[in-house]
N, C-alpha and C. Protein backbone atom coordinates (compact mmCIF):
# COMPACT_ATOMS: atom_id res chain seq x y z
N UNK A 1 0.82 -1.19 0.00
CA UNK A 1 0.00 0.00 0.00
C UNK A 1 0.87 1.26 0.00
N UNK A 2 1.94 1.23 0.77
CA UNK A 2 2.82 2.40 0.82
C UNK A 2 3.45 2.67 -0.54
N UNK A 3 3.84 1.61 -1.24
CA UNK A 3 4.43 1.78 -2.56
C UNK A 3 3.43 2.41 -3.52
N UNK A 4 2.17 2.03 -3.42
CA UNK A 4 1.13 2.62 -4.27
C UNK A 4 0.97 4.10 -3.94
N UNK A 5 0.98 4.43 -2.65
CA UNK A 5 0.89 5.85 -2.26
C UNK A 5 2.06 6.63 -2.80
N UNK A 6 3.25 6.07 -2.71
CA UNK A 6 4.44 6.75 -3.23
C UNK A 6 4.32 6.98 -4.74
N UNK A 7 3.83 5.98 -5.45
CA UNK A 7 3.63 6.12 -6.90
C UNK A 7 2.64 7.25 -7.21
N UNK A 8 1.60 7.37 -6.41
CA UNK A 8 0.63 8.47 -6.60
C UNK A 8 1.29 9.81 -6.30
N UNK A 9 2.06 9.89 -5.23
CA UNK A 9 2.74 11.13 -4.87
C UNK A 9 3.76 11.54 -5.92
N UNK A 10 4.36 10.59 -6.61
CA UNK A 10 5.32 10.90 -7.67
C UNK A 10 4.66 11.66 -8.82
N UNK A 11 3.36 11.48 -8.99
CA UNK A 11 2.64 12.10 -10.09
C UNK A 11 2.13 13.50 -9.78
N UNK A 12 2.11 13.89 -8.50
CA UNK A 12 1.51 15.17 -8.13
C UNK A 12 2.28 15.81 -6.97
N UNK A 13 3.08 16.81 -7.30
CA UNK A 13 3.89 17.49 -6.28
C UNK A 13 3.03 18.19 -5.23
N UNK A 14 1.96 18.81 -5.68
CA UNK A 14 1.09 19.54 -4.75
C UNK A 14 0.44 18.60 -3.74
N UNK A 15 0.16 17.39 -4.16
CA UNK A 15 -0.43 16.40 -3.27
C UNK A 15 0.51 16.06 -2.12
N UNK A 16 1.81 16.04 -2.38
CA UNK A 16 2.79 15.80 -1.31
C UNK A 16 2.67 16.87 -0.23
N UNK A 17 2.62 18.13 -0.65
CA UNK A 17 2.50 19.24 0.29
C UNK A 17 1.18 19.16 1.06
N UNK A 18 0.11 18.89 0.34
CA UNK A 18 -1.21 18.83 0.97
C UNK A 18 -1.30 17.69 1.98
N UNK A 19 -0.68 16.56 1.67
CA UNK A 19 -0.73 15.42 2.58
C UNK A 19 -0.01 15.73 3.89
N UNK A 20 1.20 16.25 3.80
CA UNK A 20 1.95 16.60 5.02
C UNK A 20 1.24 17.71 5.77
N UNK A 21 0.70 18.70 5.05
CA UNK A 21 -0.04 19.78 5.72
C UNK A 21 -1.26 19.24 6.44
N UNK A 22 -1.94 18.25 5.83
CA UNK A 22 -3.11 17.67 6.50
C UNK A 22 -2.71 16.88 7.73
N UNK A 23 -1.54 16.25 7.69
CA UNK A 23 -1.05 15.56 8.89
C UNK A 23 -0.80 16.55 10.02
N UNK A 24 -0.22 17.69 9.66
CA UNK A 24 0.04 18.73 10.67
C UNK A 24 -1.26 19.29 11.23
N UNK A 25 -2.26 19.42 10.38
CA UNK A 25 -3.54 19.99 10.82
C UNK A 25 -4.31 19.02 11.71
N UNK A 26 -4.06 17.73 11.55
CA UNK A 26 -4.78 16.71 12.31
C UNK A 26 -4.08 16.48 13.64
N UNK A 27 -4.43 17.29 14.62
CA UNK A 27 -3.89 17.16 15.98
C UNK A 27 -2.36 17.17 16.00
N UNK A 28 -1.79 18.02 15.18
CA UNK A 28 -0.33 18.20 15.10
C UNK A 28 0.40 16.89 14.84
N UNK A 29 -0.12 16.06 13.95
CA UNK A 29 0.49 14.81 13.50
C UNK A 29 0.54 13.73 14.59
N UNK A 30 -0.32 13.84 15.57
CA UNK A 30 -0.27 12.92 16.72
C UNK A 30 -0.36 11.45 16.30
N UNK A 31 -1.25 11.14 15.37
CA UNK A 31 -1.45 9.75 14.94
C UNK A 31 -0.18 9.18 14.30
N UNK A 32 0.42 9.93 13.40
CA UNK A 32 1.64 9.48 12.73
C UNK A 32 2.79 9.39 13.72
N UNK A 33 2.90 10.35 14.61
CA UNK A 33 3.98 10.33 15.60
C UNK A 33 3.85 9.15 16.54
N UNK A 34 2.64 8.79 16.87
CA UNK A 34 2.41 7.63 17.73
C UNK A 34 2.91 6.36 17.04
N UNK A 35 2.64 6.24 15.75
CA UNK A 35 3.13 5.07 15.01
C UNK A 35 4.65 5.10 14.92
N UNK A 36 5.22 6.25 14.61
CA UNK A 36 6.67 6.34 14.45
C UNK A 36 7.43 6.09 15.74
N UNK A 37 6.92 6.58 16.86
CA UNK A 37 7.67 6.52 18.11
C UNK A 37 7.24 5.42 19.07
N UNK A 38 5.95 5.07 19.08
CA UNK A 38 5.45 4.18 20.13
C UNK A 38 4.89 2.86 19.64
N UNK A 39 4.72 2.68 18.37
CA UNK A 39 4.05 1.49 17.83
C UNK A 39 4.89 0.23 18.06
N UNK A 40 4.23 -0.82 18.50
CA UNK A 40 4.93 -2.10 18.70
C UNK A 40 4.96 -2.92 17.42
N UNK A 41 4.13 -2.58 16.45
CA UNK A 41 4.11 -3.26 15.16
C UNK A 41 5.23 -2.68 14.29
N UNK A 42 6.32 -3.39 14.20
CA UNK A 42 7.51 -2.89 13.50
C UNK A 42 7.29 -2.77 11.99
N UNK A 43 6.41 -3.60 11.42
CA UNK A 43 6.12 -3.51 9.99
C UNK A 43 5.38 -2.20 9.70
N UNK A 44 4.38 -1.90 10.51
CA UNK A 44 3.64 -0.64 10.33
C UNK A 44 4.57 0.55 10.53
N UNK A 45 5.42 0.48 11.53
CA UNK A 45 6.36 1.55 11.81
C UNK A 45 7.31 1.77 10.62
N UNK A 46 7.81 0.68 10.05
CA UNK A 46 8.73 0.77 8.91
C UNK A 46 8.02 1.35 7.69
N UNK A 47 6.78 0.95 7.46
CA UNK A 47 6.04 1.45 6.30
C UNK A 47 5.71 2.93 6.42
N UNK A 48 5.27 3.35 7.59
CA UNK A 48 4.95 4.77 7.80
C UNK A 48 6.23 5.60 7.70
N UNK A 49 7.30 5.12 8.28
CA UNK A 49 8.56 5.89 8.20
C UNK A 49 9.06 5.97 6.76
N UNK A 50 8.86 4.92 5.98
CA UNK A 50 9.25 4.94 4.57
C UNK A 50 8.45 5.99 3.81
N UNK A 51 7.15 6.06 4.07
CA UNK A 51 6.30 7.04 3.40
C UNK A 51 6.69 8.47 3.79
N UNK A 52 6.86 8.70 5.08
CA UNK A 52 7.25 10.04 5.55
C UNK A 52 8.62 10.43 5.01
N UNK A 53 9.55 9.48 4.99
CA UNK A 53 10.90 9.77 4.45
C UNK A 53 10.80 10.17 2.99
N UNK A 54 9.99 9.43 2.19
CA UNK A 54 9.83 9.79 0.79
C UNK A 54 9.27 11.21 0.66
N UNK A 55 8.20 11.49 1.41
CA UNK A 55 7.56 12.80 1.31
C UNK A 55 8.50 13.93 1.70
N UNK A 56 9.26 13.75 2.77
CA UNK A 56 10.18 14.80 3.20
C UNK A 56 11.31 15.00 2.19
N UNK A 57 11.80 13.91 1.61
CA UNK A 57 12.84 14.05 0.58
C UNK A 57 12.30 14.75 -0.67
N UNK A 58 11.07 14.44 -1.03
CA UNK A 58 10.44 15.09 -2.18
C UNK A 58 10.19 16.57 -1.91
N UNK A 59 9.68 16.86 -0.72
CA UNK A 59 9.40 18.26 -0.37
C UNK A 59 10.68 19.07 -0.24
N UNK A 60 11.74 18.43 0.16
CA UNK A 60 13.03 19.12 0.26
C UNK A 60 13.41 19.72 -1.09
N UNK A 61 13.15 18.99 -2.15
CA UNK A 61 13.45 19.47 -3.50
C UNK A 61 12.44 20.54 -3.92
N UNK A 62 11.16 20.29 -3.65
CA UNK A 62 10.12 21.23 -4.06
C UNK A 62 10.21 22.56 -3.33
N UNK A 63 10.62 22.53 -2.07
CA UNK A 63 10.65 23.73 -1.24
C UNK A 63 12.07 24.27 -1.02
N UNK A 64 12.95 23.90 -1.91
CA UNK A 64 14.36 24.25 -1.77
C UNK A 64 14.59 25.75 -1.52
N UNK A 65 13.96 26.58 -2.32
CA UNK A 65 14.16 28.03 -2.18
C UNK A 65 13.70 28.54 -0.82
N UNK A 66 12.52 28.12 -0.38
CA UNK A 66 12.02 28.55 0.92
C UNK A 66 12.91 28.05 2.05
N UNK A 67 13.42 26.84 1.93
CA UNK A 67 14.30 26.29 2.96
C UNK A 67 15.63 27.02 3.02
N UNK A 68 16.22 27.27 1.86
CA UNK A 68 17.52 27.95 1.83
C UNK A 68 17.43 29.41 2.26
N UNK A 69 16.32 30.06 1.91
CA UNK A 69 16.14 31.47 2.26
C UNK A 69 15.60 31.66 3.67
N UNK A 70 15.16 30.58 4.29
CA UNK A 70 14.57 30.70 5.64
C UNK A 70 13.27 31.48 5.63
N UNK A 71 12.50 31.35 4.55
CA UNK A 71 11.24 32.07 4.41
C UNK A 71 10.27 31.66 5.51
N UNK A 72 9.66 32.67 6.13
CA UNK A 72 8.70 32.40 7.21
C UNK A 72 7.35 33.03 6.87
N UNK A 73 6.35 32.62 7.64
CA UNK A 73 5.03 33.24 7.52
C UNK A 73 4.55 33.55 8.94
N UNK A 74 3.81 34.63 9.05
CA UNK A 74 3.31 35.06 10.36
C UNK A 74 1.91 34.51 10.59
N UNK A 75 1.70 34.03 11.80
CA UNK A 75 0.40 33.50 12.19
C UNK A 75 0.02 34.16 13.51
N UNK A 76 -1.21 34.64 13.58
CA UNK A 76 -1.68 35.22 14.84
C UNK A 76 -2.51 34.18 15.58
N UNK A 77 -2.36 34.20 16.89
CA UNK A 77 -3.02 33.21 17.73
C UNK A 77 -3.56 33.88 18.98
N UNK A 78 -4.78 33.54 19.35
CA UNK A 78 -5.37 34.07 20.58
C UNK A 78 -5.11 33.07 21.70
N UNK A 79 -4.53 33.56 22.79
CA UNK A 79 -4.29 32.72 23.97
C UNK A 79 -4.78 33.47 25.20
N UNK A 80 -5.05 32.73 26.25
CA UNK A 80 -5.48 33.34 27.50
C UNK A 80 -4.33 33.24 28.50
N UNK A 81 -3.87 34.39 28.94
CA UNK A 81 -2.79 34.48 29.93
C UNK A 81 -3.29 35.30 31.10
N UNK A 82 -3.20 34.75 32.28
CA UNK A 82 -3.65 35.42 33.50
C UNK A 82 -5.09 35.91 33.38
N UNK A 83 -5.93 35.10 32.74
CA UNK A 83 -7.34 35.45 32.62
C UNK A 83 -7.66 36.48 31.55
N UNK A 84 -6.66 36.92 30.81
CA UNK A 84 -6.87 37.91 29.75
C UNK A 84 -6.55 37.28 28.40
N UNK A 85 -7.35 37.67 27.42
CA UNK A 85 -7.11 37.19 26.07
C UNK A 85 -6.00 38.03 25.44
N UNK A 86 -4.97 37.34 24.98
CA UNK A 86 -3.81 38.00 24.38
C UNK A 86 -3.63 37.46 22.96
N UNK A 87 -3.33 38.37 22.05
CA UNK A 87 -3.07 37.96 20.67
C UNK A 87 -1.56 37.92 20.48
N UNK A 88 -1.08 36.74 20.10
CA UNK A 88 0.36 36.56 19.85
C UNK A 88 0.60 36.33 18.37
N UNK A 89 1.70 36.87 17.89
CA UNK A 89 2.07 36.65 16.50
C UNK A 89 3.27 35.71 16.48
N UNK A 90 3.11 34.60 15.76
CA UNK A 90 4.16 33.60 15.65
C UNK A 90 4.76 33.63 14.26
N UNK A 91 6.04 33.35 14.19
CA UNK A 91 6.72 33.26 12.91
C UNK A 91 7.11 31.80 12.70
N UNK A 92 6.51 31.17 11.69
CA UNK A 92 6.75 29.77 11.39
C UNK A 92 7.39 29.64 10.02
N UNK A 93 8.14 28.56 9.80
CA UNK A 93 8.70 28.34 8.45
C UNK A 93 7.58 28.22 7.43
N UNK A 94 7.81 28.73 6.25
CA UNK A 94 6.81 28.61 5.19
C UNK A 94 6.80 27.19 4.62
N UNK A 95 7.96 26.56 4.59
CA UNK A 95 8.08 25.22 4.03
C UNK A 95 7.37 24.20 4.92
N UNK A 96 6.46 23.44 4.33
CA UNK A 96 5.72 22.42 5.08
C UNK A 96 6.66 21.37 5.64
N UNK A 97 7.70 21.04 4.90
CA UNK A 97 8.67 20.04 5.37
C UNK A 97 9.37 20.52 6.64
N UNK A 98 9.71 21.78 6.71
CA UNK A 98 10.36 22.33 7.90
C UNK A 98 9.40 22.32 9.10
N UNK A 99 8.13 22.63 8.85
CA UNK A 99 7.14 22.58 9.92
C UNK A 99 7.03 21.16 10.48
N UNK A 100 6.99 20.17 9.59
CA UNK A 100 6.84 18.79 10.03
C UNK A 100 8.08 18.34 10.81
N UNK A 101 9.24 18.70 10.34
CA UNK A 101 10.47 18.33 11.05
C UNK A 101 10.52 19.00 12.41
N UNK A 102 10.06 20.24 12.52
CA UNK A 102 10.00 20.91 13.81
C UNK A 102 9.09 20.16 14.78
N UNK A 103 7.96 19.64 14.28
CA UNK A 103 7.06 18.86 15.13
C UNK A 103 7.73 17.57 15.58
N UNK A 104 8.44 16.92 14.66
CA UNK A 104 9.17 15.70 15.01
C UNK A 104 10.20 15.97 16.10
N UNK A 105 10.97 17.03 15.93
CA UNK A 105 12.00 17.38 16.90
C UNK A 105 11.39 17.74 18.26
N UNK A 106 10.27 18.43 18.25
CA UNK A 106 9.60 18.81 19.49
C UNK A 106 9.19 17.55 20.27
N UNK A 107 8.70 16.54 19.56
CA UNK A 107 8.23 15.33 20.23
C UNK A 107 9.35 14.40 20.66
N UNK A 108 10.53 14.59 20.13
CA UNK A 108 11.67 13.77 20.57
C UNK A 108 12.10 14.26 21.95
């Protein structure tokens, strides 16, 4: 199944970005991270890691300029601090691959 997914991703660069972005949007990749770090099924772990490795290698090429230039995007977020609503502005990498790697590093 993973090989079929990789073959599909080879045909559509935008789909690679959308897939990783959807993983990030889904509870900050919690499901995938659980398989990568905690899963006792080594076959599932190997297959998921193979898919993620392919996607990150592909995105590295697609997002080369943003990665080399350190391009960022600003995101505003409302948080409650000391009972008051505060608006914070965050600067995140524009490259989806960099965002995903940051999530991986955070969970390590």
